[in-house]
C-alpha atoms as a PDB file:
ATOM      1  CA  MET A   1     -28.814 -30.068  47.966  1.00  0.00           C
ATOM      2  CA  SER A   2     -29.628 -33.316  49.382  1.00  0.00           C
ATOM      3  CA  THR A   3     -28.047 -36.481  47.540  1.00  0.00           C
ATOM      4  CA  HIS A   4     -28.615 -40.111  48.510  1.00  0.00           C
ATOM      5  CA  SER A   5     -27.776 -43.417  46.919  1.00  0.00           C
ATOM      6  CA  GLY A   6     -31.139 -44.578  46.455  1.00  0.00           C
ATOM      7  CA  ALA A   7     -32.033 -46.214  49.582  1.00  0.00           C
ATOM      8  CA  GLU A   8     -34.721 -43.531  50.223  1.00  0.00           C
ATOM      9  CA  ILE A   9     -36.217 -41.795  47.318  1.00  0.00           C
ATOM     10  CA  GLU A  10     -39.017 -38.957  47.469  1.00  0.00           C
ATOM     11  CA  SER A  11     -42.298 -40.411  47.539  1.00  0.00           C
ATOM     12  CA  ARG A  12     -43.623 -40.133  43.960  1.00  0.00           C
ATOM     13  CA  GLY A  13     -45.820 -42.172  41.959  1.00  0.00           C
ATOM     14  CA  GLY A  14     -44.445 -44.441  39.520  1.00  0.00           C
ATOM     15  CA  VAL A  15     -40.976 -44.676  40.972  1.00  0.00           C
ATOM     16  CA  GLU A  16     -39.251 -47.549  42.475  1.00  0.00           C
ATOM     17  CA  VAL A  17     -35.454 -48.299  43.515  1.00  0.00           C
ATOM     18  CA  THR A  18     -34.323 -51.952  43.317  1.00  0.00           C
ATOM     19  CA  LYS A  19     -30.741 -53.228  43.165  1.00  0.00           C
ATOM     20  CA  ASP A  20     -28.966 -55.405  40.536  1.00  0.00           C
ATOM     21  CA  ARG A  21     -27.063 -58.421  40.829  1.00  0.00           C
ATOM     22  CA  ASN A  22     -24.076 -56.379  41.919  1.00  0.00           C
ATOM     23  CA  GLY A  23     -26.118 -54.741  44.614  1.00  0.00           C
ATOM     24  CA  ILE A  24     -26.033 -51.304  42.174  1.00  0.00           C
ATOM     25  CA  ASP A  25     -29.084 -49.206  42.692  1.00  0.00           C
ATOM     26  CA  GLN A  26     -31.620 -49.093  39.713  1.00  0.00           C
ATOM     27  CA  VAL A  27     -34.633 -46.892  39.518  1.00  0.00           C
ATOM     28  CA  VAL A  28     -37.722 -47.941  37.741  1.00  0.00           C
ATOM     29  CA  LEU A  29     -40.090 -45.644  36.282  1.00  0.00           C
ATOM     30  CA  ARG A  30     -43.614 -46.777  35.321  1.00  0.00           C
ATOM     31  CA  ASN A  31     -46.614 -44.970  33.958  1.00  0.00           C
ATOM     32  CA  GLN A  32     -50.232 -45.780  34.556  1.00  0.00           C
ATOM     33  CA  ARG A  33     -50.370 -47.676  31.469  1.00  0.00           C
ATOM     34  CA  GLY A  34     -47.657 -50.056  32.193  1.00  0.00           C
ATOM     35  CA  ALA A  35     -44.988 -48.723  30.274  1.00  0.00           C
ATOM     36  CA  SER A  36     -41.799 -48.461  32.061  1.00  0.00           C
ATOM     37  CA  ALA A  37     -38.049 -47.568  31.842  1.00  0.00           C
ATOM     38  CA  ARG A  38     -34.958 -48.787  34.191  1.00  0.00           C
ATOM     39  CA  ILE A  39     -32.054 -46.635  34.986  1.00  0.00           C
ATOM     40  CA  SER A  40     -28.929 -47.828  36.546  1.00  0.00           C
ATOM     41  CA  LEU A  41     -26.802 -45.747  38.799  1.00  0.00           C
ATOM     42  CA  HIS A  42     -23.687 -46.967  37.586  1.00  0.00           C
ATOM     43  CA  GLY A  43     -23.174 -44.465  34.497  1.00  0.00           C
ATOM     44  CA  GLY A  44     -26.564 -43.060  34.561  1.00  0.00           C
ATOM     45  CA  GLN A  45     -27.440 -45.468  31.948  1.00  0.00           C
ATOM     46  CA  VAL A  46     -30.863 -46.382  30.667  1.00  0.00           C
ATOM     47  CA  LEU A  47     -30.888 -49.979  30.616  1.00  0.00           C
ATOM     48  CA  SER A  48     -34.535 -50.547  29.731  1.00  0.00           C
ATOM     49  CA  TRP A  49     -37.474 -49.088  27.919  1.00  0.00           C
ATOM     50  CA  LYS A  50     -41.078 -50.992  27.569  1.00  0.00           C
ATOM     51  CA  THR A  51     -44.141 -50.421  25.878  1.00  0.00           C
ATOM     52  CA  GLU A  52     -47.308 -50.761  27.978  1.00  0.00           C
ATOM     53  CA  ARG A  53     -47.330 -54.270  26.462  1.00  0.00           C
ATOM     54  CA  GLY A  54     -44.226 -54.962  27.939  1.00  0.00           C
ATOM     55  CA  GLU A  55     -42.162 -55.067  24.514  1.00  0.00           C
ATOM     56  CA  GLU A  56     -38.619 -53.896  25.065  1.00  0.00           C
ATOM     57  CA  LEU A  57     -37.774 -51.115  22.701  1.00  0.00           C
ATOM     58  CA  LEU A  58     -33.735 -51.058  23.743  1.00  0.00           C
ATOM     59  CA  PHE A  59     -30.995 -53.243  22.693  1.00  0.00           C
ATOM     60  CA  THR A  60     -28.927 -54.922  24.892  1.00  0.00           C
ATOM     61  CA  SER A  61     -26.308 -57.573  24.098  1.00  0.00           C
ATOM     62  CA  SER A  62     -26.756 -61.258  25.517  1.00  0.00           C
ATOM     63  CA  LYS A  63     -22.959 -61.088  26.420  1.00  0.00           C
ATOM     64  CA  ALA A  64     -23.095 -57.461  27.652  1.00  0.00           C
ATOM     65  CA  ILE A  65     -20.731 -57.165  30.665  1.00  0.00           C
ATOM     66  CA  PHE A  66     -22.794 -56.525  33.956  1.00  0.00           C
ATOM     67  CA  THR A  67     -19.803 -55.859  36.288  1.00  0.00           C
ATOM     68  CA  PRO A  68     -18.386 -52.268  36.805  1.00  0.00           C
ATOM     69  CA  PRO A  69     -16.325 -50.287  36.061  1.00  0.00           C
ATOM     70  CA  LYS A  70     -17.127 -51.594  32.440  1.00  0.00           C
ATOM     71  CA  ALA A  71     -19.987 -49.779  30.498  1.00  0.00           C
ATOM     72  CA  LEU A  72     -22.855 -52.258  29.419  1.00  0.00           C
ATOM     73  CA  ARG A  73     -23.407 -52.743  25.762  1.00  0.00           C
ATOM     74  CA  GLY A  74     -26.898 -51.478  25.172  1.00  0.00           C
ATOM     75  CA  GLY A  75     -29.546 -49.309  26.466  1.00  0.00           C
ATOM     76  CA  ILE A  76     -28.560 -45.506  26.437  1.00  0.00           C
ATOM     77  CA  PRO A  77     -24.900 -44.998  27.747  1.00  0.00           C
ATOM     78  CA  ILE A  78     -24.022 -41.109  28.290  1.00  0.00           C
ATOM     79  CA  CYS A  79     -20.726 -40.144  26.694  1.00  0.00           C
ATOM     80  CA  PHE A  80     -19.000 -37.404  28.416  1.00  0.00           C
ATOM     81  CA  PRO A  81     -16.794 -35.583  28.179  1.00  0.00           C
ATOM     82  CA  GLN A  82     -15.694 -36.870  25.127  1.00  0.00           C
ATOM     83  CA  PHE A  83     -17.253 -38.907  22.148  1.00  0.00           C
ATOM     84  CA  GLY A  84     -15.441 -41.758  20.893  1.00  0.00           C
ATOM     85  CA  ASN A  85     -11.311 -41.549  21.059  1.00  0.00           C
ATOM     86  CA  ARG A  86     -11.390 -37.855  19.873  1.00  0.00           C
ATOM     87  CA  GLY A  87      -9.324 -36.789  23.114  1.00  0.00           C
ATOM     88  CA  SER A  88      -7.105 -38.334  25.461  1.00  0.00           C
ATOM     89  CA  LEU A  89      -9.763 -39.918  27.674  1.00  0.00           C
ATOM     90  CA  GLU A  90     -10.753 -43.426  27.650  1.00  0.00           C
ATOM     91  CA  GLN A  91     -13.497 -44.409  24.737  1.00  0.00           C
ATOM     92  CA  HIS A  92     -16.597 -42.093  25.403  1.00  0.00           C
ATOM     93  CA  GLY A  93     -15.368 -40.444  28.324  1.00  0.00           C
ATOM     94  CA  PHE A  94     -15.879 -41.661  32.042  1.00  0.00           C
ATOM     95  CA  ALA A  95     -19.255 -40.667  32.664  1.00  0.00           C
ATOM     96  CA  ARG A  96     -20.770 -44.044  31.774  1.00  0.00           C
ATOM     97  CA  ASN A  97     -18.544 -45.700  34.116  1.00  0.00           C
ATOM     98  CA  LYS A  98     -18.993 -43.633  37.161  1.00  0.00           C
ATOM     99  CA  MET A  99     -21.451 -44.079  40.071  1.00  0.00           C
ATOM    100  CA  TRP A 100     -24.168 -41.296  39.960  1.00  0.00           C
ATOM    101  CA  VAL A 101     -26.285 -40.611  42.744  1.00  0.00           C
ATOM    102  CA  ILE A 102     -29.930 -39.554  43.175  1.00  0.00           C
ATOM    103  CA  GLU A 103     -30.459 -35.873  43.705  1.00  0.00           C
ATOM    104  CA  ASP A 104     -33.850 -35.034  45.840  1.00  0.00           C
ATOM    105  CA  ASN A 105     -33.972 -31.285  45.417  1.00  0.00           C
ATOM    106  CA  PRO A 106     -32.230 -30.316  42.065  1.00  0.00           C
ATOM    107  CA  PRO A 107     -32.707 -26.831  40.748  1.00  0.00           C
ATOM    108  CA  SER A 108     -35.627 -26.209  38.961  1.00  0.00           C
ATOM    109  CA  LEU A 109     -35.965 -27.179  35.316  1.00  0.00           C
ATOM    110  CA  PRO A 110     -37.827 -24.588  33.126  1.00  0.00           C
ATOM    111  CA  ASN A 111     -40.294 -25.846  30.874  1.00  0.00           C
ATOM    112  CA  PHE A 112     -40.817 -29.267  32.385  1.00  0.00           C
ATOM    113  CA  ASP A 113     -44.124 -30.174  32.803  1.00  0.00           C
ATOM    114  CA  SER A 114     -44.137 -33.018  35.336  1.00  0.00           C
ATOM    115  CA  ASN A 115     -48.107 -33.719  35.178  1.00  0.00           C
ATOM    116  CA  GLY A 116     -48.365 -37.574  34.191  1.00  0.00           C
ATOM    117  CA  LYS A 117     -44.764 -38.116  34.447  1.00  0.00           C
ATOM    118  CA  SER A 118     -42.748 -40.365  36.620  1.00  0.00           C
ATOM    119  CA  TYR A 119     -38.944 -39.149  36.654  1.00  0.00           C
ATOM    120  CA  VAL A 120     -35.884 -39.291  38.486  1.00  0.00           C
ATOM    121  CA  ASP A 121     -33.002 -36.944  38.825  1.00  0.00           C
ATOM    122  CA  LEU A 122     -29.268 -37.975  38.871  1.00  0.00           C
ATOM    123  CA  LEU A 123     -26.161 -35.953  39.586  1.00  0.00           C
ATOM    124  CA  LEU A 124     -22.446 -36.724  38.751  1.00  0.00           C
ATOM    125  CA  LYS A 125     -19.670 -34.808  40.207  1.00  0.00           C
ATOM    126  CA  PRO A 126     -16.105 -35.726  39.460  1.00  0.00           C
ATOM    127  CA  SER A 127     -14.000 -37.568  41.715  1.00  0.00           C
ATOM    128  CA  GLU A 128     -10.230 -36.925  42.621  1.00  0.00           C
ATOM    129  CA  GLU A 129      -9.302 -39.481  40.144  1.00  0.00           C
ATOM    130  CA  ASP A 130     -11.582 -37.563  37.528  1.00  0.00           C
ATOM    131  CA  LEU A 131      -9.975 -34.394  38.044  1.00  0.00           C
ATOM    132  CA  LYS A 132      -6.492 -36.060  37.511  1.00  0.00           C
ATOM    133  CA  LEU A 133      -7.456 -37.403  34.025  1.00  0.00           C
ATOM    134  CA  TRP A 134      -9.488 -34.297  33.122  1.00  0.00           C
ATOM    135  CA  PRO A 135      -8.866 -31.223  35.255  1.00  0.00           C
ATOM    136  CA  HIS A 136     -11.887 -29.443  35.233  1.00  0.00           C
ATOM    137  CA  SER A 137     -14.761 -29.432  37.596  1.00  0.00           C
ATOM    138  CA  PHE A 138     -18.516 -29.706  36.753  1.00  0.00           C
ATOM    139  CA  GLU A 139     -21.852 -30.805  37.965  1.00  0.00           C
ATOM    140  CA  PHE A 140     -23.723 -33.056  35.431  1.00  0.00           C
ATOM    141  CA  ARG A 141     -27.533 -33.165  36.312  1.00  0.00           C
ATOM    142  CA  LEU A 142     -29.445 -35.949  34.540  1.00  0.00           C
ATOM    143  CA  ARG A 143     -33.348 -36.161  34.412  1.00  0.00           C
ATOM    144  CA  VAL A 144     -34.943 -39.172  32.933  1.00  0.00           C
ATOM    145  CA  SER A 145     -38.618 -39.109  32.570  1.00  0.00           C
ATOM    146  CA  LEU A 146     -41.442 -41.439  31.268  1.00  0.00           C
ATOM    147  CA  ALA A 147     -44.658 -39.643  30.133  1.00  0.00           C
ATOM    148  CA  ALA A 148     -48.437 -40.880  30.472  1.00  0.00           C
ATOM    149  CA  ASP A 149     -47.931 -41.697  26.529  1.00  0.00           C
ATOM    150  CA  GLY A 150     -44.648 -43.832  27.101  1.00  0.00           C
ATOM    151  CA  TYR A 151     -42.569 -41.207  25.786  1.00  0.00           C
ATOM    152  CA  LEU A 152     -38.949 -41.115  27.051  1.00  0.00           C
ATOM    153  CA  THR A 153     -37.298 -37.994  28.005  1.00  0.00           C
ATOM    154  CA  MET A 154     -33.566 -37.447  28.962  1.00  0.00           C
ATOM    155  CA  ILE A 155     -32.373 -33.923  29.902  1.00  0.00           C
ATOM    156  CA  SER A 156     -28.953 -33.232  30.681  1.00  0.00           C
ATOM    157  CA  ARG A 157     -27.378 -30.109  32.566  1.00  0.00           C
ATOM    158  CA  ILE A 158     -24.127 -29.730  32.595  1.00  0.00           C
ATOM    159  CA  ARG A 159     -22.592 -26.689  34.661  1.00  0.00           C
ATOM    160  CA  ASN A 160     -19.075 -25.351  34.681  1.00  0.00           C
ATOM    161  CA  VAL A 161     -17.948 -25.070  38.359  1.00  0.00           C
ATOM    162  CA  ASN A 162     -14.317 -24.381  37.611  1.00  0.00           C
ATOM    163  CA  SER A 163     -12.462 -20.912  37.444  1.00  0.00           C
ATOM    164  CA  LYS A 164     -11.616 -21.520  33.649  1.00  0.00           C
ATOM    165  CA  PRO A 165     -13.563 -22.366  30.537  1.00  0.00           C
ATOM    166  CA  PHE A 166     -13.758 -26.125  29.414  1.00  0.00           C
ATOM    167  CA  SER A 167     -14.846 -27.720  26.331  1.00  0.00           C
ATOM    168  CA  PHE A 168     -16.562 -31.130  25.922  1.00  0.00           C
ATOM    169  CA  SER A 169     -18.389 -33.454  23.447  1.00  0.00           C
ATOM    170  CA  PHE A 170     -21.597 -35.435  24.183  1.00  0.00           C
ATOM    171  CA  ALA A 171     -24.060 -38.187  22.984  1.00  0.00           C
ATOM    172  CA  TYR A 172     -26.879 -40.151  24.221  1.00  0.00           C
ATOM    173  CA  HIS A 173     -25.663 -43.310  22.591  1.00  0.00           C
ATOM    174  CA  THR A 174     -28.935 -44.861  21.894  1.00  0.00           C
ATOM    175  CA  TYR A 175     -29.242 -48.672  21.062  1.00  0.00           C
ATOM    176  CA  PHE A 176     -32.390 -49.229  19.428  1.00  0.00           C
ATOM    177  CA  SER A 177     -33.984 -52.992  19.469  1.00  0.00           C
ATOM    178  CA  ILE A 178     -34.852 -53.617  15.715  1.00  0.00           C
ATOM    179  CA  SER A 179     -36.182 -56.755  13.950  1.00  0.00           C
ATOM    180  CA  ASP A 180     -33.369 -56.926  11.060  1.00  0.00           C
ATOM    181  CA  ILE A 181     -31.214 -54.233  10.377  1.00  0.00           C
ATOM    182  CA  SER A 182     -31.776 -55.106   6.448  1.00  0.00           C
ATOM    183  CA  GLU A 183     -35.235 -54.128   7.135  1.00  0.00           C
ATOM    184  CA  VAL A 184     -34.498 -50.746   8.688  1.00  0.00           C
ATOM    185  CA  ARG A 185     -34.362 -47.560   7.212  1.00  0.00           C
ATOM    186  CA  VAL A 186     -33.349 -44.022   8.741  1.00  0.00           C
ATOM    187  CA  GLU A 187     -35.255 -40.774   7.826  1.00  0.00           C
ATOM    188  CA  GLY A 188     -34.411 -37.247   8.416  1.00  0.00           C
ATOM    189  CA  VAL A 189     -30.591 -37.257   7.002  1.00  0.00           C
ATOM    190  CA  GLU A 190     -31.374 -36.890   3.486  1.00  0.00           C
ATOM    191  CA  THR A 191     -29.399 -34.507   1.866  1.00  0.00           C
ATOM    192  CA  LEU A 192     -27.140 -33.782   5.053  1.00  0.00           C
ATOM    193  CA  ASP A 193     -23.243 -33.602   4.981  1.00  0.00           C
ATOM    194  CA  TYR A 194     -21.684 -36.483   7.366  1.00  0.00           C
ATOM    195  CA  LEU A 195     -18.440 -37.374   8.571  1.00  0.00           C
ATOM    196  CA  ASP A 196     -17.853 -41.059   7.795  1.00  0.00           C
ATOM    197  CA  ASN A 197     -15.669 -42.979  10.308  1.00  0.00           C
ATOM    198  CA  LEU A 198     -14.812 -45.703   8.201  1.00  0.00           C
ATOM    199  CA  CYS A 199     -12.900 -43.249   5.748  1.00  0.00           C
ATOM    200  CA  HIS A 200     -10.829 -41.270   7.840  1.00  0.00           C
ATOM    201  CA  LYS A 201     -13.694 -38.922   8.683  1.00  0.00           C
ATOM    202  CA  GLU A 202     -14.023 -37.667   5.391  1.00  0.00           C
ATOM    203  CA  ARG A 203     -17.111 -35.510   4.322  1.00  0.00           C
ATOM    204  CA  PHE A 204     -19.537 -36.533   2.282  1.00  0.00           C
ATOM    205  CA  THR A 205     -23.151 -35.539   1.269  1.00  0.00           C
ATOM    206  CA  GLU A 206     -26.079 -38.234   1.740  1.00  0.00           C
ATOM    207  CA  GLN A 207     -27.509 -38.933  -1.393  1.00  0.00           C
ATOM    208  CA  GLY A 208     -30.460 -41.121  -0.796  1.00  0.00           C
ATOM    209  CA  ASP A 209     -33.915 -40.147   0.281  1.00  0.00           C
ATOM    210  CA  ALA A 210     -33.571 -42.605   3.323  1.00  0.00           C
ATOM    211  CA  LEU A 211     -30.328 -44.323   4.949  1.00  0.00           C
ATOM    212  CA  THR A 212     -30.458 -48.064   4.452  1.00  0.00           C
ATOM    213  CA  PHE A 213     -27.907 -50.800   5.672  1.00  0.00           C
ATOM    214  CA  GLU A 214     -25.985 -53.340   3.746  1.00  0.00           C
ATOM    215  CA  SER A 215     -22.926 -53.246   5.600  1.00  0.00           C
ATOM    216  CA  GLU A 216     -20.868 -51.583   8.427  1.00  0.00           C
ATOM    217  CA  VAL A 217     -21.605 -47.635   9.022  1.00  0.00           C
ATOM    218  CA  ASP A 218     -20.233 -45.220  11.403  1.00  0.00           C
ATOM    219  CA  ARG A 219     -21.284 -41.858  10.472  1.00  0.00           C
ATOM    220  CA  VAL A 220     -21.780 -38.336  11.984  1.00  0.00           C
ATOM    221  CA  TYR A 221     -24.552 -36.327  10.146  1.00  0.00           C
ATOM    222  CA  LEU A 222     -23.982 -32.587  10.744  1.00  0.00           C
ATOM    223  CA  ASP A 223     -26.442 -29.819  10.991  1.00  0.00           C
ATOM    224  CA  SER A 224     -29.543 -32.562  11.486  1.00  0.00           C
ATOM    225  CA  SER A 225     -32.767 -31.608  11.639  1.00  0.00           C
ATOM    226  CA  ASP A 226     -34.749 -31.865  14.922  1.00  0.00           C
ATOM    227  CA  VAL A 227     -36.684 -35.253  14.121  1.00  0.00           C
ATOM    228  CA  VAL A 228     -35.032 -38.130  12.924  1.00  0.00           C
ATOM    229  CA  ALA A 229     -37.131 -41.376  12.374  1.00  0.00           C
ATOM    230  CA  VAL A 230     -36.121 -45.000  12.394  1.00  0.00           C
ATOM    231  CA  LEU A 231     -38.540 -47.160  10.390  1.00  0.00           C
ATOM    232  CA  ASP A 232     -38.669 -50.930  11.436  1.00  0.00           C
ATOM    233  CA  HIS A 233     -40.740 -52.647   8.614  1.00  0.00           C
ATOM    234  CA  GLU A 234     -41.280 -55.701   9.946  1.00  0.00           C
ATOM    235  CA  ARG A 235     -42.260 -54.971  13.505  1.00  0.00           C
ATOM    236  CA  LYS A 236     -44.504 -51.696  11.796  1.00  0.00           C
ATOM    237  CA  ARG A 237     -43.233 -49.329  14.199  1.00  0.00           C
ATOM    238  CA  THR A 238     -41.093 -46.229  13.940  1.00  0.00           C
ATOM    239  CA  PHE A 239     -38.809 -44.571  16.678  1.00  0.00           C
ATOM    240  CA  MET A 240     -38.741 -40.631  16.594  1.00  0.00           C
ATOM    241  CA  ILE A 241     -35.883 -38.854  17.829  1.00  0.00           C
ATOM    242  CA  ARG A 242     -36.264 -35.382  19.037  1.00  0.00           C
ATOM    243  CA  LYS A 243     -33.219 -33.280  20.298  1.00  0.00           C
ATOM    244  CA  GLU A 244     -33.087 -29.858  21.589  1.00  0.00           C
ATOM    245  CA  GLY A 245     -30.158 -28.057  23.096  1.00  0.00           C
ATOM    246  CA  LEU A 246     -30.621 -24.736  25.142  1.00  0.00           C
ATOM    247  CA  PRO A 247     -29.840 -21.885  25.140  1.00  0.00           C
ATOM    248  CA  ASP A 248     -27.773 -22.674  22.073  1.00  0.00           C
ATOM    249  CA  VAL A 249     -29.849 -24.521  19.960  1.00  0.00           C
ATOM    250  CA  GLU A 250     -27.331 -24.230  16.766  1.00  0.00           C
ATOM    251  CA  ILE A 251     -24.610 -26.411  18.412  1.00  0.00           C
ATOM    252  CA  TRP A 252     -26.924 -29.167  19.362  1.00  0.00           C
ATOM    253  CA  PHE A 253     -26.907 -30.960  15.797  1.00  0.00           C
ATOM    254  CA  ASP A 254     -24.925 -33.831  15.248  1.00  0.00           C
ATOM    255  CA  ILE A 255     -26.809 -37.463  14.542  1.00  0.00           C
ATOM    256  CA  VAL A 256     -24.359 -40.381  14.891  1.00  0.00           C
ATOM    257  CA  VAL A 257     -25.459 -43.500  13.071  1.00  0.00           C
ATOM    258  CA  TRP A 258     -23.411 -46.663  13.901  1.00  0.00           C
ATOM    259  CA  ASN A 259     -23.922 -50.429  13.147  1.00  0.00           C
ATOM    260  CA  PRO A 260     -20.582 -52.666  13.526  1.00  0.00           C
ATOM    261  CA  TRP A 261     -22.140 -55.380  10.856  1.00  0.00           C
ATOM    262  CA  GLU A 262     -20.449 -58.857  10.812  1.00  0.00           C
ATOM    263  CA  LYS A 263     -16.557 -58.349  10.512  1.00  0.00           C
ATOM    264  CA  LYS A 264     -16.357 -55.880  13.453  1.00  0.00           C
ATOM    265  CA  SER A 265     -19.141 -57.767  15.864  1.00  0.00           C
ATOM    266  CA  LYS A 266     -16.858 -60.756  16.087  1.00  0.00           C
ATOM    267  CA  THR A 267     -13.985 -58.645  17.260  1.00  0.00           C
ATOM    268  CA  MET A 268     -15.982 -57.432  19.957  1.00  0.00           C
ATOM    269  CA  SER A 269     -16.143 -59.784  23.415  1.00  0.00           C
ATOM    270  CA  ASP A 270     -19.383 -57.976  24.526  1.00  0.00           C
ATOM    271  CA  LEU A 271     -21.445 -58.502  21.619  1.00  0.00           C
ATOM    272  CA  GLY A 272     -22.852 -61.690  19.747  1.00  0.00           C
ATOM    273  CA  ASP A 273     -21.465 -62.307  16.412  1.00  0.00           C
ATOM    274  CA  GLU A 274     -25.224 -62.178  14.894  1.00  0.00           C
ATOM    275  CA  GLU A 275     -26.213 -59.383  17.455  1.00  0.00           C
ATOM    276  CA  TYR A 276     -25.603 -56.588  14.943  1.00  0.00           C
ATOM    277  CA  LYS A 277     -28.876 -57.550  12.873  1.00  0.00           C
ATOM    278  CA  GLN A 278     -31.027 -56.607  15.988  1.00  0.00           C
ATOM    279  CA  MET A 279     -29.502 -53.127  16.980  1.00  0.00           C
ATOM    280  CA  LEU A 280     -28.909 -49.878  15.640  1.00  0.00           C
ATOM    281  CA  CYS A 281     -27.415 -46.946  17.372  1.00  0.00           C
ATOM    282  CA  VAL A 282     -28.758 -43.434  16.558  1.00  0.00           C
ATOM    283  CA  ASP A 283     -27.437 -41.008  18.872  1.00  0.00           C
ATOM    284  CA  GLY A 284     -28.519 -37.379  19.494  1.00  0.00           C
ATOM    285  CA  ALA A 285     -24.845 -35.799  19.836  1.00  0.00           C
ATOM    286  CA  ALA A 286     -22.414 -32.640  20.088  1.00  0.00           C
ATOM    287  CA  VAL A 287     -19.428 -34.245  18.449  1.00  0.00           C
ATOM    288  CA  GLU A 288     -18.073 -32.187  15.589  1.00  0.00           C
ATOM    289  CA  LYS A 289     -18.566 -28.856  17.359  1.00  0.00           C
ATOM    290  CA  PRO A 290     -17.642 -29.343  21.126  1.00  0.00           C
ATOM    291  CA  ILE A 291     -19.482 -27.285  23.694  1.00  0.00           C
ATOM    292  CA  THR A 292     -17.177 -24.853  25.510  1.00  0.00           C
ATOM    293  CA  LEU A 293     -18.720 -23.576  28.938  1.00  0.00           C
ATOM    294  CA  LYS A 294     -17.443 -20.506  30.617  1.00  0.00           C
ATOM    295  CA  PRO A 295     -17.100 -20.445  34.600  1.00  0.00           C
ATOM    296  CA  GLY A 296     -20.595 -20.484  35.873  1.00  0.00           C
ATOM    297  CA  GLU A 297     -22.283 -21.339  32.688  1.00  0.00           C
ATOM    298  CA  GLU A 298     -25.002 -24.211  31.971  1.00  0.00           C
ATOM    299  CA  TRP A 299     -25.608 -26.073  29.007  1.00  0.00           C
ATOM    300  CA  THR A 300     -28.722 -28.029  28.626  1.00  0.00           C
ATOM    301  CA  GLY A 301     -29.163 -30.727  25.890  1.00  0.00           C
ATOM    302  CA  ARG A 302     -32.721 -33.147  25.581  1.00  0.00           C
ATOM    303  CA  LEU A 303     -33.486 -36.205  24.069  1.00  0.00           C
ATOM    304  CA  ASP A 304     -37.394 -37.126  23.391  1.00  0.00           C
ATOM    305  CA  LEU A 305     -37.842 -40.479  22.325  1.00  0.00           C
ATOM    306  CA  SER A 306     -41.075 -41.996  21.120  1.00  0.00           C
ATOM    307  CA  LEU A 307     -42.819 -45.173  19.522  1.00  0.00           C
ATOM    308  CA  VAL A 308     -45.514 -44.675  16.820  1.00  0.00           C
ATOM    309  CA  PRO A 309     -47.030 -47.192  14.697  1.00  0.00           C
ATOM    310  CA  SER A 310     -46.169 -47.738  10.954  1.00  0.00           C
ATOM    311  CA  THR A 311     -47.051 -49.288   7.915  1.00  0.00           C
END
């Protein structure tokens, strides 16, 4: 298995390695129509996803801190092996704060059609420091791909290379760029039970036919359908979020919906006071039922993001 830091990358169309202002490698994926995605090796984090017209689809705060080890406020941070503060580790775990490497020859990915896709394979293994905090040895492979139609796909494969089982929670913490939070609605969560993090994780059932926003929202929707839609009326576009967990589909269920609203935004040093209006987090996640892997077992979780015009 060969890895490197990104100075050399397998010659593949639509893939380029550049450096950010701190000298950290970033991978830029492009398709033939001109859509693009940019991924930082710091955190394995997707920082940008643009349409063929150059329109940015992911939100990044104007006050985002670009200096490691702080995770960047925006894009798609990877939350692993913990989501939120539900364990002994730092908020959302350590994967989003670590340096990943580009993997040249990863194990083959079943059911992945590479035709017309530009993609990169990243790898994270625990450091000695990580093992002191979370004493479980793992290999976390992440493939980010951009298809000919501009769809963005993220496939995570987490393998237990430990001698004993371990459990983890996980999320693709996706910050969507929106016109105005009061003009947006989320469909695909109707009638679902959810845990409300603003009410001590009390369980409720969604009553509306869509979720709209008039105040802070921080919810974990349980047993969600495979497709959730974020409708942005002003921009006449809809984000489609599809998730998949293999081989145990039944544990890849949660959808986290978060917007900090005005009061909380003012307490966040890396978010502008009014920027909550232009962002909405809708995460494919495995939060409520952590995933347990026996020695040698591997879990795969997939997120497909697409954009469709809407009225």
